[in-house]
Amino acid sequence: MDKTEDKDKKKPPKINWDELDERDENRKHLYIFGRDVAEMPCFRNSFLYGIAGGIGTGLGTFMFTSRPGFSTHIGYGTFFFTTLIYWFGCRYNYSNTKFQYSKMKTAMKQQAVFEGTAIEEEIKKKAESV
């Protein structure tokens, strides 16, 4: 084989970004209470963990008890509680992170305003003493 043929085989395929944008625009969106589900933080992961936990627990219960009604109830309950617990935990972390980012944003704006002034020197002295 020629060296040029080896180089041609190793090149990654070119990505047509316009085609990808069109696919995204043509995608159907699921709206619940006027909000796009795909845009909600934590929604996807909460339901994936809930579904996986419910199916796993339901199947496990059925394997041990051989009672389909009971295992269905256990599976649905596990799905429900896993989804809720993960949703609230994830949203709590999301809101804390968002709050920290907003505090950092205001601190960065203040730093830009105070840069090169006497106030900046006072802030640095206070930070060093702490």
C-alpha atoms as a PDB file:
ATOM      1  CA  MET A   1       0.000   0.000   0.000  1.00  0.00           C
ATOM      2  CA  ASP A   2       1.067   3.537  -0.646  1.00  0.00           C
ATOM      3  CA  LYS A   3       1.572   6.004   2.232  1.00  0.00           C
ATOM      4  CA  THR A   4      -1.030   8.385   0.781  1.00  0.00           C
ATOM      5  CA  GLU A   5      -3.659   5.638   0.904  1.00  0.00           C
ATOM      6  CA  ASP A   6      -2.914   5.070   4.622  1.00  0.00           C
ATOM      7  CA  LYS A   7      -3.374   8.775   5.353  1.00  0.00           C
ATOM      8  CA  ASP A   8      -6.700   8.844   3.505  1.00  0.00           C
ATOM      9  CA  LYS A   9      -8.012   5.951   5.592  1.00  0.00           C
ATOM     10  CA  LYS A  10      -7.095   7.634   8.885  1.00  0.00           C
ATOM     11  CA  LYS A  11      -8.891  10.911   8.154  1.00  0.00           C
ATOM     12  CA  PRO A  12     -12.077  11.343  10.156  1.00  0.00           C
ATOM     13  CA  PRO A  13     -15.246  11.961   8.157  1.00  0.00           C
ATOM     14  CA  LYS A  14     -16.212  15.574   7.580  1.00  0.00           C
ATOM     15  CA  ILE A  15     -19.124  16.788   9.666  1.00  0.00           C
ATOM     16  CA  ASN A  16     -21.852  18.741   7.930  1.00  0.00           C
ATOM     17  CA  TRP A  17     -22.887  21.150  10.690  1.00  0.00           C
ATOM     18  CA  ASP A  18     -25.794  22.582   8.694  1.00  0.00           C
ATOM     19  CA  GLU A  19     -27.345  19.136   8.406  1.00  0.00           C
ATOM     20  CA  LEU A  20     -27.004  18.580  12.161  1.00  0.00           C
ATOM     21  CA  ASP A  21     -28.684  21.928  12.882  1.00  0.00           C
ATOM     22  CA  GLU A  22     -31.571  21.017  10.582  1.00  0.00           C
ATOM     23  CA  ARG A  23     -32.013  17.676  12.341  1.00  0.00           C
ATOM     24  CA  ASP A  24     -32.161  19.438  15.706  1.00  0.00           C
ATOM     25  CA  GLU A  25     -34.749  21.929  14.434  1.00  0.00           C
ATOM     26  CA  ASN A  26     -36.902  19.153  12.971  1.00  0.00           C
ATOM     27  CA  ARG A  27     -36.832  17.148  16.210  1.00  0.00           C
ATOM     28  CA  LYS A  28     -40.122  16.831  18.024  1.00  0.00           C
ATOM     29  CA  HIS A  29     -40.143  18.382  21.464  1.00  0.00           C
ATOM     30  CA  LEU A  30     -42.112  17.173  24.474  1.00  0.00           C
ATOM     31  CA  TYR A  31     -43.714  19.994  26.430  1.00  0.00           C
ATOM     32  CA  ILE A  32     -45.076  19.573  29.955  1.00  0.00           C
ATOM     33  CA  PHE A  33     -46.803  22.579  31.518  1.00  0.00           C
ATOM     34  CA  GLY A  34     -45.414  24.776  28.742  1.00  0.00           C
ATOM     35  CA  ARG A  35     -41.761  23.794  29.262  1.00  0.00           C
ATOM     36  CA  ASP A  36     -39.584  21.706  26.975  1.00  0.00           C
ATOM     37  CA  VAL A  37     -38.569  18.574  28.851  1.00  0.00           C
ATOM     38  CA  ALA A  38     -35.204  18.422  27.057  1.00  0.00           C
ATOM     39  CA  GLU A  39     -34.295  21.816  28.522  1.00  0.00           C
ATOM     40  CA  MET A  40     -35.067  20.863  32.136  1.00  0.00           C
ATOM     41  CA  PRO A  41     -31.959  20.099  34.165  1.00  0.00           C
ATOM     42  CA  CYS A  42     -32.045  16.722  35.949  1.00  0.00           C
ATOM     43  CA  PHE A  43     -35.204  15.485  34.178  1.00  0.00           C
ATOM     44  CA  ARG A  44     -33.530  12.916  31.948  1.00  0.00           C
ATOM     45  CA  ASN A  45     -31.226  11.428  34.578  1.00  0.00           C
ATOM     46  CA  SER A  46     -33.965  11.273  37.192  1.00  0.00           C
ATOM     47  CA  PHE A  47     -36.240   9.271  34.957  1.00  0.00           C
ATOM     48  CA  LEU A  48     -33.481   7.025  33.656  1.00  0.00           C
ATOM     49  CA  TYR A  49     -32.413   6.098  37.186  1.00  0.00           C
ATOM     50  CA  GLY A  50     -36.035   5.678  38.238  1.00  0.00           C
ATOM     51  CA  ILE A  51     -36.857   3.408  35.309  1.00  0.00           C
ATOM     52  CA  ALA A  52     -33.726   1.312  35.730  1.00  0.00           C
ATOM     53  CA  GLY A  53     -34.270   0.986  39.484  1.00  0.00           C
ATOM     54  CA  GLY A  54     -37.941   0.099  39.071  1.00  0.00           C
ATOM     55  CA  ILE A  55     -37.304  -2.543  36.438  1.00  0.00           C
ATOM     56  CA  GLY A  56     -34.403  -4.054  38.370  1.00  0.00           C
ATOM     57  CA  THR A  57     -36.262  -4.149  41.673  1.00  0.00           C
ATOM     58  CA  GLY A  58     -39.448  -5.437  40.063  1.00  0.00           C
ATOM     59  CA  LEU A  59     -37.622  -8.247  38.286  1.00  0.00           C
ATOM     60  CA  GLY A  60     -35.635  -9.083  41.396  1.00  0.00           C
ATOM     61  CA  THR A  61     -38.797  -9.224  43.491  1.00  0.00           C
ATOM     62  CA  PHE A  62     -40.466 -11.451  40.919  1.00  0.00           C
ATOM     63  CA  MET A  63     -37.467 -13.801  40.862  1.00  0.00           C
ATOM     64  CA  PHE A  64     -37.619 -14.221  44.654  1.00  0.00           C
ATOM     65  CA  THR A  65     -41.389 -14.274  45.220  1.00  0.00           C
ATOM     66  CA  SER A  66     -42.916 -15.398  41.878  1.00  0.00           C
ATOM     67  CA  ARG A  67     -45.828 -13.064  42.564  1.00  0.00           C
ATOM     68  CA  PRO A  68     -46.368 -10.796  39.522  1.00  0.00           C
ATOM     69  CA  GLY A  69     -48.809  -8.400  41.202  1.00  0.00           C
ATOM     70  CA  PHE A  70     -46.594  -7.839  44.209  1.00  0.00           C
ATOM     71  CA  SER A  71     -43.460  -7.387  42.103  1.00  0.00           C
ATOM     72  CA  THR A  72     -45.281  -4.887  39.860  1.00  0.00           C
ATOM     73  CA  HIS A  73     -46.261  -2.823  42.899  1.00  0.00           C
ATOM     74  CA  ILE A  74     -42.711  -2.945  44.222  1.00  0.00           C
ATOM     75  CA  GLY A  75     -41.335  -1.961  40.790  1.00  0.00           C
ATOM     76  CA  TYR A  76     -43.681   1.012  40.419  1.00  0.00           C
ATOM     77  CA  GLY A  77     -43.004   2.164  43.962  1.00  0.00           C
ATOM     78  CA  THR A  78     -39.262   1.929  43.459  1.00  0.00           C
ATOM     79  CA  PHE A  79     -39.543   3.840  40.180  1.00  0.00           C
ATOM     80  CA  PHE A  80     -41.591   6.571  41.830  1.00  0.00           C
ATOM     81  CA  PHE A  81     -39.421   7.035  44.902  1.00  0.00           C
ATOM     82  CA  THR A  82     -36.110   6.716  43.057  1.00  0.00           C
ATOM     83  CA  THR A  83     -37.217   9.343  40.546  1.00  0.00           C
ATOM     84  CA  LEU A  84     -38.377  11.735  43.269  1.00  0.00           C
ATOM     85  CA  ILE A  85     -35.315  11.302  45.474  1.00  0.00           C
ATOM     86  CA  TYR A  86     -32.891  11.721  42.584  1.00  0.00           C
ATOM     87  CA  TRP A  87     -34.878  14.687  41.205  1.00  0.00           C
ATOM     88  CA  PHE A  88     -34.830  16.628  44.474  1.00  0.00           C
ATOM     89  CA  GLY A  89     -31.175  15.826  45.150  1.00  0.00           C
ATOM     90  CA  CYS A  90     -30.125  16.853  41.662  1.00  0.00           C
ATOM     91  CA  ARG A  91     -32.197  20.039  41.727  1.00  0.00           C
ATOM     92  CA  TYR A  92     -30.744  20.950  45.126  1.00  0.00           C
ATOM     93  CA  ASN A  93     -27.206  20.586  43.767  1.00  0.00           C
ATOM     94  CA  TYR A  94     -28.187  22.466  40.602  1.00  0.00           C
ATOM     95  CA  SER A  95     -29.613  25.403  42.546  1.00  0.00           C
ATOM     96  CA  ASN A  96     -26.560  25.530  44.837  1.00  0.00           C
ATOM     97  CA  THR A  97     -24.225  25.537  41.843  1.00  0.00           C
ATOM     98  CA  LYS A  98     -26.278  28.201  40.108  1.00  0.00           C
ATOM     99  CA  PHE A  99     -26.203  30.346  43.258  1.00  0.00           C
ATOM    100  CA  GLN A 100     -22.424  29.952  43.559  1.00  0.00           C
ATOM    101  CA  TYR A 101     -22.003  30.944  39.897  1.00  0.00           C
ATOM    102  CA  SER A 102     -24.109  34.063  40.414  1.00  0.00           C
ATOM    103  CA  LYS A 103     -22.028  35.022  43.458  1.00  0.00           C
ATOM    104  CA  MET A 104     -18.849  34.457  41.459  1.00  0.00           C
ATOM    105  CA  LYS A 105     -20.206  36.556  38.590  1.00  0.00           C
ATOM    106  CA  THR A 106     -20.898  39.529  40.855  1.00  0.00           C
ATOM    107  CA  ALA A 107     -17.482  39.142  42.509  1.00  0.00           C
ATOM    108  CA  MET A 108     -15.801  39.144  39.107  1.00  0.00           C
ATOM    109  CA  LYS A 109     -17.698  42.281  38.105  1.00  0.00           C
ATOM    110  CA  GLN A 110     -16.639  43.991  41.332  1.00  0.00           C
ATOM    111  CA  GLN A 111     -13.047  42.907  40.748  1.00  0.00           C
ATOM    112  CA  ALA A 112     -13.125  44.548  37.323  1.00  0.00           C
ATOM    113  CA  VAL A 113     -14.469  47.773  38.849  1.00  0.00           C
ATOM    114  CA  PHE A 114     -12.036  47.827  41.795  1.00  0.00           C
ATOM    115  CA  GLU A 115      -8.959  46.778  39.821  1.00  0.00           C
ATOM    116  CA  GLY A 116      -6.060  49.139  40.430  1.00  0.00           C
ATOM    117  CA  THR A 117      -7.758  51.091  43.242  1.00  0.00           C
ATOM    118  CA  ALA A 118      -7.155  51.337  46.965  1.00  0.00           C
ATOM    119  CA  ILE A 119     -10.247  49.201  47.640  1.00  0.00           C
ATOM    120  CA  GLU A 120      -8.613  46.277  45.830  1.00  0.00           C
ATOM    121  CA  GLU A 121      -5.585  46.535  48.103  1.00  0.00           C
ATOM    122  CA  GLU A 122      -7.843  46.489  51.192  1.00  0.00           C
ATOM    123  CA  ILE A 123      -9.662  43.403  49.900  1.00  0.00           C
ATOM    124  CA  LYS A 124      -6.332  41.630  49.273  1.00  0.00           C
ATOM    125  CA  LYS A 125      -5.112  42.470  52.792  1.00  0.00           C
ATOM    126  CA  LYS A 126      -8.341  41.133  54.334  1.00  0.00           C
ATOM    127  CA  ALA A 127      -8.074  37.937  52.269  1.00  0.00           C
ATOM    128  CA  GLU A 128      -4.461  37.376  53.341  1.00  0.00           C
ATOM    129  CA  SER A 129      -5.248  37.910  57.021  1.00  0.00           C
ATOM    130  CA  VAL A 130      -8.051  35.346  57.007  1.00  0.00           C
END
